[in-house]
Amino acid sequence: MRDMARSVAPYRSTPIFDERTLPAALGREHRTKPGVWGVVRVLEGELKLSYVDPPKVLIVSPDSPGLLLPNQSHFVEPVGTMRMQVEFYDQPPEL
């Protein structure tokens, strides 16, 4: 039987950013650390999440979070007005 008590919680989260407060570094190519998964959560609006290798672009919205794998190069770009946050996990998160 599947372990229903297992709950994966983030060990850290960024502050909530909007299109004006989003750090410039997140708009440039960067990567998650080895052994760290990230979940890009959009609270309002939309955000473009671009993976570098292999190239892929997702539109992240409140109903569709973006998953970042360990050591995965990526960058983000606001699509109009938005609010977002990134959660960090030390094991694969459930979306």
PDB file of N, CA and C in Angstrom:
ATOM      1  N   MET A   1       0.842  -1.185   0.000  1.00  0.00           N
ATOM      2  CA  MET A   1       0.000   0.000   0.000  1.00  0.00           C
ATOM      3  C   MET A   1       0.884   1.244   0.000  1.00  0.00           C
ATOM      4  N   ARG A   2       0.489   2.224  -0.707  1.00  0.00           N
ATOM      5  CA  ARG A   2       1.257   3.473  -0.802  1.00  0.00           C
ATOM      6  C   ARG A   2       1.271   4.188   0.546  1.00  0.00           C
ATOM      7  N   ASP A   3       2.405   4.770   0.900  1.00  0.00           N
ATOM      8  CA  ASP A   3       2.554   5.476   2.175  1.00  0.00           C
ATOM      9  C   ASP A   3       1.857   6.825   2.095  1.00  0.00           C
ATOM     10  N   MET A   4       0.642   6.903   2.629  1.00  0.00           N
ATOM     11  CA  MET A   4      -0.142   8.129   2.568  1.00  0.00           C
ATOM     12  C   MET A   4       0.375   9.189   3.533  1.00  0.00           C
ATOM     13  N   ALA A   5       1.179   8.784   4.522  1.00  0.00           N
ATOM     14  CA  ALA A   5       1.691   9.737   5.507  1.00  0.00           C
ATOM     15  C   ALA A   5       2.871  10.531   4.955  1.00  0.00           C
ATOM     16  N   ARG A   6       3.453  10.053   3.867  1.00  0.00           N
ATOM     17  CA  ARG A   6       4.614  10.734   3.288  1.00  0.00           C
ATOM     18  C   ARG A   6       4.192  12.077   2.710  1.00  0.00           C
ATOM     19  N   SER A   7       4.813  13.096   3.192  1.00  0.00           N
ATOM     20  CA  SER A   7       4.522  14.431   2.686  1.00  0.00           C
ATOM     21  C   SER A   7       5.838  15.148   2.461  1.00  0.00           C
ATOM     22  N   VAL A   8       6.045  15.602   1.257  1.00  0.00           N
ATOM     23  CA  VAL A   8       7.272  16.301   0.923  1.00  0.00           C
ATOM     24  C   VAL A   8       7.011  17.795   1.052  1.00  0.00           C
ATOM     25  N   ALA A   9       7.785  18.439   1.924  1.00  0.00           N
ATOM     26  CA  ALA A   9       7.622  19.879   2.145  1.00  0.00           C
ATOM     27  C   ALA A   9       8.884  20.595   1.692  1.00  0.00           C
ATOM     28  N   PRO A  10       8.744  21.817   1.208  1.00  0.00           N
ATOM     29  CA  PRO A  10       9.938  22.569   0.816  1.00  0.00           C
ATOM     30  C   PRO A  10      10.777  22.909   2.048  1.00  0.00           C
ATOM     31  N   TYR A  11      12.098  22.904   1.873  1.00  0.00           N
ATOM     32  CA  TYR A  11      12.962  23.305   2.981  1.00  0.00           C
ATOM     33  C   TYR A  11      13.233  24.806   2.951  1.00  0.00           C
ATOM     34  N   ARG A  12      12.915  25.443   1.806  1.00  0.00           N
ATOM     35  CA  ARG A  12      13.101  26.886   1.684  1.00  0.00           C
ATOM     36  C   ARG A  12      12.252  27.390   0.531  1.00  0.00           C
ATOM     37  N   SER A  13      11.825  28.636   0.643  1.00  0.00           N
ATOM     38  CA  SER A  13      11.079  29.296  -0.431  1.00  0.00           C
ATOM     39  C   SER A  13      11.627  30.705  -0.617  1.00  0.00           C
ATOM     40  N   THR A  14      11.547  31.193  -1.837  1.00  0.00           N
ATOM     41  CA  THR A  14      11.930  32.584  -2.093  1.00  0.00           C
ATOM     42  C   THR A  14      10.816  33.494  -1.580  1.00  0.00           C
ATOM     43  N   PRO A  15      11.105  34.775  -1.468  1.00  0.00           N
ATOM     44  CA  PRO A  15      10.000  35.722  -1.248  1.00  0.00           C
ATOM     45  C   PRO A  15       9.062  35.673  -2.458  1.00  0.00           C
ATOM     46  N   ILE A  16       7.905  36.273  -2.328  1.00  0.00           N
ATOM     47  CA  ILE A  16       6.987  36.398  -3.458  1.00  0.00           C
ATOM     48  C   ILE A  16       7.431  37.603  -4.284  1.00  0.00           C
ATOM     49  N   PHE A  17       7.637  37.365  -5.577  1.00  0.00           N
ATOM     50  CA  PHE A  17       8.065  38.414  -6.504  1.00  0.00           C
ATOM     51  C   PHE A  17       6.923  38.731  -7.455  1.00  0.00           C
ATOM     52  N   ASP A  18       6.894  39.979  -7.930  1.00  0.00           N
ATOM     53  CA  ASP A  18       5.984  40.329  -9.015  1.00  0.00           C
ATOM     54  C   ASP A  18       6.838  40.756 -10.207  1.00  0.00           C
ATOM     55  N   GLU A  19       6.189  41.224 -11.271  1.00  0.00           N
ATOM     56  CA  GLU A  19       6.940  41.582 -12.486  1.00  0.00           C
ATOM     57  C   GLU A  19       7.922  42.727 -12.252  1.00  0.00           C
ATOM     58  N   ARG A  20       7.713  43.527 -11.220  1.00  0.00           N
ATOM     59  CA  ARG A  20       8.627  44.643 -10.933  1.00  0.00           C
ATOM     60  C   ARG A  20       9.758  44.240  -9.983  1.00  0.00           C
ATOM     61  N   THR A  21       9.495  43.288  -9.081  1.00  0.00           N
ATOM     62  CA  THR A  21      10.492  42.924  -8.064  1.00  0.00           C
ATOM     63  C   THR A  21      11.256  41.647  -8.406  1.00  0.00           C
ATOM     64  N   LEU A  22      10.923  41.016  -9.519  1.00  0.00           N
ATOM     65  CA  LEU A  22      11.619  39.793  -9.930  1.00  0.00           C
ATOM     66  C   LEU A  22      13.106  40.104 -10.119  1.00  0.00           C
ATOM     67  N   PRO A  23      13.998  39.420  -9.383  1.00  0.00           N
ATOM     68  CA  PRO A  23      15.426  39.703  -9.530  1.00  0.00           C
ATOM     69  C   PRO A  23      15.920  39.460 -10.956  1.00  0.00           C
ATOM     70  N   ALA A  24      16.762  40.348 -11.437  1.00  0.00           N
ATOM     71  CA  ALA A  24      17.308  40.227 -12.799  1.00  0.00           C
ATOM     72  C   ALA A  24      18.020  38.894 -12.993  1.00  0.00           C
ATOM     73  N   ALA A  25      18.643  38.365 -11.940  1.00  0.00           N
ATOM     74  CA  ALA A  25      19.376  37.099 -12.039  1.00  0.00           C
ATOM     75  C   ALA A  25      18.460  35.941 -12.444  1.00  0.00           C
ATOM     76  N   LEU A  26      17.185  36.008 -12.095  1.00  0.00           N
ATOM     77  CA  LEU A  26      16.266  34.931 -12.469  1.00  0.00           C
ATOM     78  C   LEU A  26      15.902  34.995 -13.941  1.00  0.00           C
ATOM     79  N   GLY A  27      16.121  36.138 -14.570  1.00  0.00           N
ATOM     80  CA  GLY A  27      15.862  36.295 -15.992  1.00  0.00           C
ATOM     81  C   GLY A  27      17.044  35.904 -16.862  1.00  0.00           C
ATOM     82  N   ARG A  28      18.164  35.574 -16.227  1.00  0.00           N
ATOM     83  CA  ARG A  28      19.350  35.088 -16.944  1.00  0.00           C
ATOM     84  C   ARG A  28      19.518  33.598 -16.652  1.00  0.00           C
ATOM     85  N   GLU A  29      20.228  32.921 -17.521  1.00  0.00           N
ATOM     86  CA  GLU A  29      20.438  31.488 -17.321  1.00  0.00           C
ATOM     87  C   GLU A  29      21.109  31.230 -15.974  1.00  0.00           C
ATOM     88  N   HIS A  30      20.512  30.344 -15.211  1.00  0.00           N
ATOM     89  CA  HIS A  30      21.077  29.883 -13.941  1.00  0.00           C
ATOM     90  C   HIS A  30      20.586  28.453 -13.734  1.00  0.00           C
ATOM     91  N   ARG A  31      21.045  27.805 -12.682  1.00  0.00           N
ATOM     92  CA  ARG A  31      20.654  26.403 -12.496  1.00  0.00           C
ATOM     93  C   ARG A  31      20.398  26.102 -11.034  1.00  0.00           C
ATOM     94  N   THR A  32      19.603  25.073 -10.825  1.00  0.00           N
ATOM     95  CA  THR A  32      19.404  24.571  -9.474  1.00  0.00           C
ATOM     96  C   THR A  32      20.677  23.842  -9.055  1.00  0.00           C
ATOM     97  N   LYS A  33      20.869  23.699  -7.759  1.00  0.00           N
ATOM     98  CA  LYS A  33      22.048  23.010  -7.242  1.00  0.00           C
ATOM     99  C   LYS A  33      21.865  21.495  -7.378  1.00  0.00           C
ATOM    100  N   PRO A  34      22.970  20.743  -7.409  1.00  0.00           N
ATOM    101  CA  PRO A  34      22.843  19.284  -7.407  1.00  0.00           C
ATOM    102  C   PRO A  34      22.065  18.836  -6.164  1.00  0.00           C
ATOM    103  N   GLY A  35      21.149  17.893  -6.345  1.00  0.00           N
ATOM    104  CA  GLY A  35      20.361  17.377  -5.234  1.00  0.00           C
ATOM    105  C   GLY A  35      19.206  18.266  -4.804  1.00  0.00           C
ATOM    106  N   VAL A  36      18.935  19.332  -5.575  1.00  0.00           N
ATOM    107  CA  VAL A  36      17.854  20.259  -5.223  1.00  0.00           C
ATOM    108  C   VAL A  36      16.844  20.340  -6.368  1.00  0.00           C
ATOM    109  N   TRP A  37      15.580  20.112  -6.017  1.00  0.00           N
ATOM    110  CA  TRP A  37      14.471  20.290  -6.949  1.00  0.00           C
ATOM    111  C   TRP A  37      13.813  21.624  -6.648  1.00  0.00           C
ATOM    112  N   GLY A  38      13.282  22.273  -7.658  1.00  0.00           N
ATOM    113  CA  GLY A  38      12.561  23.523  -7.458  1.00  0.00           C
ATOM    114  C   GLY A  38      11.175  23.424  -8.065  1.00  0.00           C
ATOM    115  N   VAL A  39      10.243  24.139  -7.454  1.00  0.00           N
ATOM    116  CA  VAL A  39       8.907  24.247  -8.024  1.00  0.00           C
ATOM    117  C   VAL A  39       8.610  25.733  -8.160  1.00  0.00           C
ATOM    118  N   VAL A  40       8.390  26.160  -9.400  1.00  0.00           N
ATOM    119  CA  VAL A  40       8.025  27.539  -9.686  1.00  0.00           C
ATOM    120  C   VAL A  40       6.510  27.621  -9.561  1.00  0.00           C
ATOM    121  N   ARG A  41       6.050  28.391  -8.594  1.00  0.00           N
ATOM    122  CA  ARG A  41       4.612  28.537  -8.350  1.00  0.00           C
ATOM    123  C   ARG A  41       4.189  29.962  -8.698  1.00  0.00           C
ATOM    124  N   VAL A  42       3.268  30.079  -9.620  1.00  0.00           N
ATOM    125  CA  VAL A  42       2.711  31.383  -9.986  1.00  0.00           C
ATOM    126  C   VAL A  42       1.413  31.549  -9.204  1.00  0.00           C
ATOM    127  N   LEU A  43       1.323  32.632  -8.452  1.00  0.00           N
ATOM    128  CA  LEU A  43       0.146  32.900  -7.631  1.00  0.00           C
ATOM    129  C   LEU A  43      -0.908  33.677  -8.407  1.00  0.00           C
ATOM    130  N   GLU A  44      -0.445  34.543  -9.304  1.00  0.00           N
ATOM    131  CA  GLU A  44      -1.337  35.333 -10.166  1.00  0.00           C
ATOM    132  C   GLU A  44      -0.651  35.543 -11.504  1.00  0.00           C
ATOM    133  N   GLY A  45      -1.416  35.504 -12.584  1.00  0.00           N
ATOM    134  CA  GLY A  45      -0.858  35.774 -13.903  1.00  0.00           C
ATOM    135  C   GLY A  45      -0.142  34.586 -14.504  1.00  0.00           C
ATOM    136  N   GLU A  46       0.868  34.880 -15.336  1.00  0.00           N
ATOM    137  CA  GLU A  46       1.641  33.839 -16.018  1.00  0.00           C
ATOM    138  C   GLU A  46       3.112  34.214 -16.058  1.00  0.00           C
ATOM    139  N   LEU A  47       3.946  33.183 -16.181  1.00  0.00           N
ATOM    140  CA  LEU A  47       5.395  33.329 -16.230  1.00  0.00           C
ATOM    141  C   LEU A  47       5.920  32.357 -17.271  1.00  0.00           C
ATOM    142  N   LYS A  48       6.840  32.822 -18.105  1.00  0.00           N
ATOM    143  CA  LYS A  48       7.476  31.924 -19.079  1.00  0.00           C
ATOM    144  C   LYS A  48       8.707  31.307 -18.426  1.00  0.00           C
ATOM    145  N   LEU A  49       8.743  29.976 -18.375  1.00  0.00           N
ATOM    146  CA  LEU A  49       9.877  29.224 -17.835  1.00  0.00           C
ATOM    147  C   LEU A  49      10.580  28.543 -19.000  1.00  0.00           C
ATOM    148  N   SER A  50      11.854  28.907 -19.209  1.00  0.00           N
ATOM    149  CA  SER A  50      12.631  28.350 -20.322  1.00  0.00           C
ATOM    150  C   SER A  50      13.717  27.441 -19.782  1.00  0.00           C
ATOM    151  N   TYR A  51      13.702  26.186 -20.234  1.00  0.00           N
ATOM    152  CA  TYR A  51      14.767  25.236 -19.921  1.00  0.00           C
ATOM    153  C   TYR A  51      15.808  25.355 -21.030  1.00  0.00           C
ATOM    154  N   VAL A  52      17.079  25.235 -20.671  1.00  0.00           N
ATOM    155  CA  VAL A  52      18.153  25.459 -21.633  1.00  0.00           C
ATOM    156  C   VAL A  52      18.544  24.193 -22.389  1.00  0.00           C
ATOM    157  N   ASP A  53      18.729  23.065 -21.691  1.00  0.00           N
ATOM    158  CA  ASP A  53      19.220  21.845 -22.347  1.00  0.00           C
ATOM    159  C   ASP A  53      18.509  20.627 -21.791  1.00  0.00           C
ATOM    160  N   PRO A  54      17.603  20.029 -22.536  1.00  0.00           N
ATOM    161  CA  PRO A  54      17.191  20.402 -23.883  1.00  0.00           C
ATOM    162  C   PRO A  54      16.262  21.616 -23.845  1.00  0.00           C
ATOM    163  N   PRO A  55      16.269  22.397 -24.907  1.00  0.00           N
ATOM    164  CA  PRO A  55      15.444  23.604 -24.944  1.00  0.00           C
ATOM    165  C   PRO A  55      13.949  23.266 -24.871  1.00  0.00           C
ATOM    166  N   LYS A  56      13.256  23.975 -23.996  1.00  0.00           N
ATOM    167  CA  LYS A  56      11.811  23.799 -23.847  1.00  0.00           C
ATOM    168  C   LYS A  56      11.276  25.029 -23.134  1.00  0.00           C
ATOM    169  N   VAL A  57      10.097  25.481 -23.516  1.00  0.00           N
ATOM    170  CA  VAL A  57       9.464  26.643 -22.886  1.00  0.00           C
ATOM    171  C   VAL A  57       8.100  26.227 -22.363  1.00  0.00           C
ATOM    172  N   LEU A  58       7.831  26.582 -21.114  1.00  0.00           N
ATOM    173  CA  LEU A  58       6.530  26.340 -20.499  1.00  0.00           C
ATOM    174  C   LEU A  58       5.924  27.666 -20.073  1.00  0.00           C
ATOM    175  N   ILE A  59       4.620  27.751 -20.105  1.00  0.00           N
ATOM    176  CA  ILE A  59       3.921  28.876 -19.500  1.00  0.00           C
ATOM    177  C   ILE A  59       3.412  28.369 -18.156  1.00  0.00           C
ATOM    178  N   VAL A  60       3.905  28.960 -17.090  1.00  0.00           N
ATOM    179  CA  VAL A  60       3.546  28.565 -15.733  1.00  0.00           C
ATOM    180  C   VAL A  60       2.424  29.485 -15.265  1.00  0.00           C
ATOM    181  N   SER A  61       1.391  28.881 -14.668  1.00  0.00           N
ATOM    182  CA  SER A  61       0.226  29.628 -14.194  1.00  0.00           C
ATOM    183  C   SER A  61      -0.183  29.067 -12.830  1.00  0.00           C
ATOM    184  N   PRO A  62      -1.154  29.677 -12.170  1.00  0.00           N
ATOM    185  CA  PRO A  62      -1.579  29.154 -10.871  1.00  0.00           C
ATOM    186  C   PRO A  62      -1.999  27.684 -10.911  1.00  0.00           C
ATOM    187  N   ASP A  63      -2.546  27.222 -12.026  1.00  0.00           N
ATOM    188  CA  ASP A  63      -2.982  25.829 -12.150  1.00  0.00           C
ATOM    189  C   ASP A  63      -1.917  24.899 -12.706  1.00  0.00           C
ATOM    190  N   SER A  64      -0.770  25.443 -13.082  1.00  0.00           N
ATOM    191  CA  SER A  64       0.266  24.645 -13.742  1.00  0.00           C
ATOM    192  C   SER A  64       1.657  25.083 -13.287  1.00  0.00           C
ATOM    193  N   PRO A  65       2.158  24.513 -12.152  1.00  0.00           N
ATOM    194  CA  PRO A  65       3.490  24.891 -11.673  1.00  0.00           C
ATOM    195  C   PRO A  65       4.586  24.345 -12.590  1.00  0.00           C
ATOM    196  N   GLY A  66       5.791  24.912 -12.452  1.00  0.00           N
ATOM    197  CA  GLY A  66       6.938  24.462 -13.235  1.00  0.00           C
ATOM    198  C   GLY A  66       7.912  23.709 -12.357  1.00  0.00           C
ATOM    199  N   LEU A  67       8.356  22.541 -12.805  1.00  0.00           N
ATOM    200  CA  LEU A  67       9.296  21.711 -12.060  1.00  0.00           C
ATOM    201  C   LEU A  67      10.717  21.955 -12.548  1.00  0.00           C
ATOM    202  N   LEU A  68      11.626  22.145 -11.601  1.00  0.00           N
ATOM    203  CA  LEU A  68      13.053  22.283 -11.897  1.00  0.00           C
ATOM    204  C   LEU A  68      13.770  21.077 -11.318  1.00  0.00           C
ATOM    205  N   LEU A  69      14.488  20.364 -12.155  1.00  0.00           N
ATOM    206  CA  LEU A  69      15.257  19.210 -11.704  1.00  0.00           C
ATOM    207  C   LEU A  69      16.605  19.651 -11.160  1.00  0.00           C
ATOM    208  N   PRO A  70      17.267  18.797 -10.367  1.00  0.00           N
ATOM    209  CA  PRO A  70      18.591  19.163  -9.870  1.00  0.00           C
ATOM    210  C   PRO A  70      19.553  19.510 -11.012  1.00  0.00           C
ATOM    211  N   ASN A  71      20.292  20.581 -10.826  1.00  0.00           N
ATOM    212  CA  ASN A  71      21.332  21.015 -11.762  1.00  0.00           C
ATOM    213  C   ASN A  71      20.783  21.376 -13.151  1.00  0.00           C
ATOM    214  N   GLN A  72      19.529  21.778 -13.231  1.00  0.00           N
ATOM    215  CA  GLN A  72      18.888  22.088 -14.509  1.00  0.00           C
ATOM    216  C   GLN A  72      18.987  23.586 -14.821  1.00  0.00           C
ATOM    217  N   SER A  73      19.586  23.913 -15.950  1.00  0.00           N
ATOM    218  CA  SER A  73      19.698  25.305 -16.390  1.00  0.00           C
ATOM    219  C   SER A  73      18.349  25.809 -16.876  1.00  0.00           C
ATOM    220  N   HIS A  74      18.020  27.055 -16.480  1.00  0.00           N
ATOM    221  CA  HIS A  74      16.724  27.630 -16.829  1.00  0.00           C
ATOM    222  C   HIS A  74      16.765  29.133 -16.610  1.00  0.00           C
ATOM    223  N   PHE A  75      15.712  29.810 -17.063  1.00  0.00           N
ATOM    224  CA  PHE A  75      15.502  31.225 -16.751  1.00  0.00           C
ATOM    225  C   PHE A  75      14.016  31.509 -16.893  1.00  0.00           C
ATOM    226  N   VAL A  76      13.571  32.622 -16.311  1.00  0.00           N
ATOM    227  CA  VAL A  76      12.145  32.953 -16.336  1.00  0.00           C
ATOM    228  C   VAL A  76      11.936  34.356 -16.880  1.00  0.00           C
ATOM    229  N   GLU A  77      10.711  34.589 -17.358  1.00  0.00           N
ATOM    230  CA  GLU A  77      10.334  35.902 -17.886  1.00  0.00           C
ATOM    231  C   GLU A  77       8.852  36.133 -17.584  1.00  0.00           C
ATOM    232  N   PRO A  78       8.522  37.251 -16.945  1.00  0.00           N
ATOM    233  CA  PRO A  78       7.108  37.530 -16.686  1.00  0.00           C
ATOM    234  C   PRO A  78       6.324  37.680 -17.985  1.00  0.00           C
ATOM    235  N   VAL A  79       5.060  37.266 -17.935  1.00  0.00           N
ATOM    236  CA  VAL A  79       4.147  37.477 -19.052  1.00  0.00           C
ATOM    237  C   VAL A  79       3.081  38.428 -18.508  1.00  0.00           C
ATOM    238  N   GLY A  80       3.370  39.715 -18.578  1.00  0.00           N
ATOM    239  CA  GLY A  80       2.455  40.707 -18.019  1.00  0.00           C
ATOM    240  C   GLY A  80       2.526  40.745 -16.500  1.00  0.00           C
ATOM    241  N   THR A  81       1.426  41.117 -15.887  1.00  0.00           N
ATOM    242  CA  THR A  81       1.346  41.214 -14.438  1.00  0.00           C
ATOM    243  C   THR A  81       1.319  39.819 -13.838  1.00  0.00           C
ATOM    244  N   MET A  82       2.161  39.591 -12.833  1.00  0.00           N
ATOM    245  CA  MET A  82       2.203  38.271 -12.213  1.00  0.00           C
ATOM    246  C   MET A  82       2.782  38.374 -10.804  1.00  0.00           C
ATOM    247  N   ARG A  83       2.564  37.320 -10.031  1.00  0.00           N
ATOM    248  CA  ARG A  83       3.194  37.120  -8.727  1.00  0.00           C
ATOM    249  C   ARG A  83       3.651  35.670  -8.684  1.00  0.00           C
ATOM    250  N   MET A  84       4.890  35.439  -8.237  1.00  0.00           N
ATOM    251  CA  MET A  84       5.434  34.085  -8.242  1.00  0.00           C
ATOM    252  C   MET A  84       6.375  33.868  -7.067  1.00  0.00           C
ATOM    253  N   GLN A  85       6.682  32.590  -6.839  1.00  0.00           N
ATOM    254  CA  GLN A  85       7.587  32.171  -5.768  1.00  0.00           C
ATOM    255  C   GLN A  85       8.208  30.851  -6.198  1.00  0.00           C
ATOM    256  N   VAL A  86       9.426  30.571  -5.716  1.00  0.00           N
ATOM    257  CA  VAL A  86      10.070  29.291  -5.982  1.00  0.00           C
ATOM    258  C   VAL A  86      10.244  28.562  -4.659  1.00  0.00           C
ATOM    259  N   GLU A  87       9.853  27.283  -4.645  1.00  0.00           N
ATOM    260  CA  GLU A  87      10.049  26.428  -3.482  1.00  0.00           C
ATOM    261  C   GLU A  87      11.185  25.464  -3.793  1.00  0.00           C
ATOM    262  N   PHE A  88      12.004  25.146  -2.780  1.00  0.00           N
ATOM    263  CA  PHE A  88      13.141  24.244  -2.953  1.00  0.00           C
ATOM    264  C   PHE A  88      12.959  22.995  -2.094  1.00  0.00           C
ATOM    265  N   TYR A  89      13.268  21.847  -2.683  1.00  0.00           N
ATOM    266  CA  TYR A  89      13.079  20.541  -2.048  1.00  0.00           C
ATOM    267  C   TYR A  89      14.373  19.734  -2.115  1.00  0.00           C
ATOM    268  N   ASP A  90      14.559  18.835  -1.138  1.00  0.00           N
ATOM    269  CA  ASP A  90      15.727  17.954  -1.156  1.00  0.00           C
ATOM    270  C   ASP A  90      15.383  16.550  -1.643  1.00  0.00           C
ATOM    271  N   GLN A  91      14.166  16.386  -2.148  1.00  0.00           N
ATOM    272  CA  GLN A  91      13.715  15.156  -2.786  1.00  0.00           C
ATOM    273  C   GLN A  91      12.634  15.536  -3.791  1.00  0.00           C
ATOM    274  N   PRO A  92      12.308  14.632  -4.710  1.00  0.00           N
ATOM    275  CA  PRO A  92      11.319  14.992  -5.742  1.00  0.00           C
ATOM    276  C   PRO A  92       9.995  15.416  -5.119  1.00  0.00           C
ATOM    277  N   PRO A  93       9.508  16.605  -5.471  1.00  0.00           N
ATOM    278  CA  PRO A  93       8.234  17.090  -4.912  1.00  0.00           C
ATOM    279  C   PRO A  93       7.045  16.540  -5.678  1.00  0.00           C
ATOM    280  N   GLU A  94       5.892  16.579  -5.031  1.00  0.00           N
ATOM    281  CA  GLU A  94       4.638  16.241  -5.706  1.00  0.00           C
ATOM    282  C   GLU A  94       4.029  17.551  -6.195  1.00  0.00           C
ATOM    283  N   LEU A  95       3.624  17.581  -7.443  1.00  0.00           N
ATOM    284  CA  LEU A  95       3.023  18.791  -8.003  1.00  0.00           C
ATOM    285  C   LEU A  95       1.516  18.728  -7.945  1.00  0.00           C
TER     286      LEU A  95
END
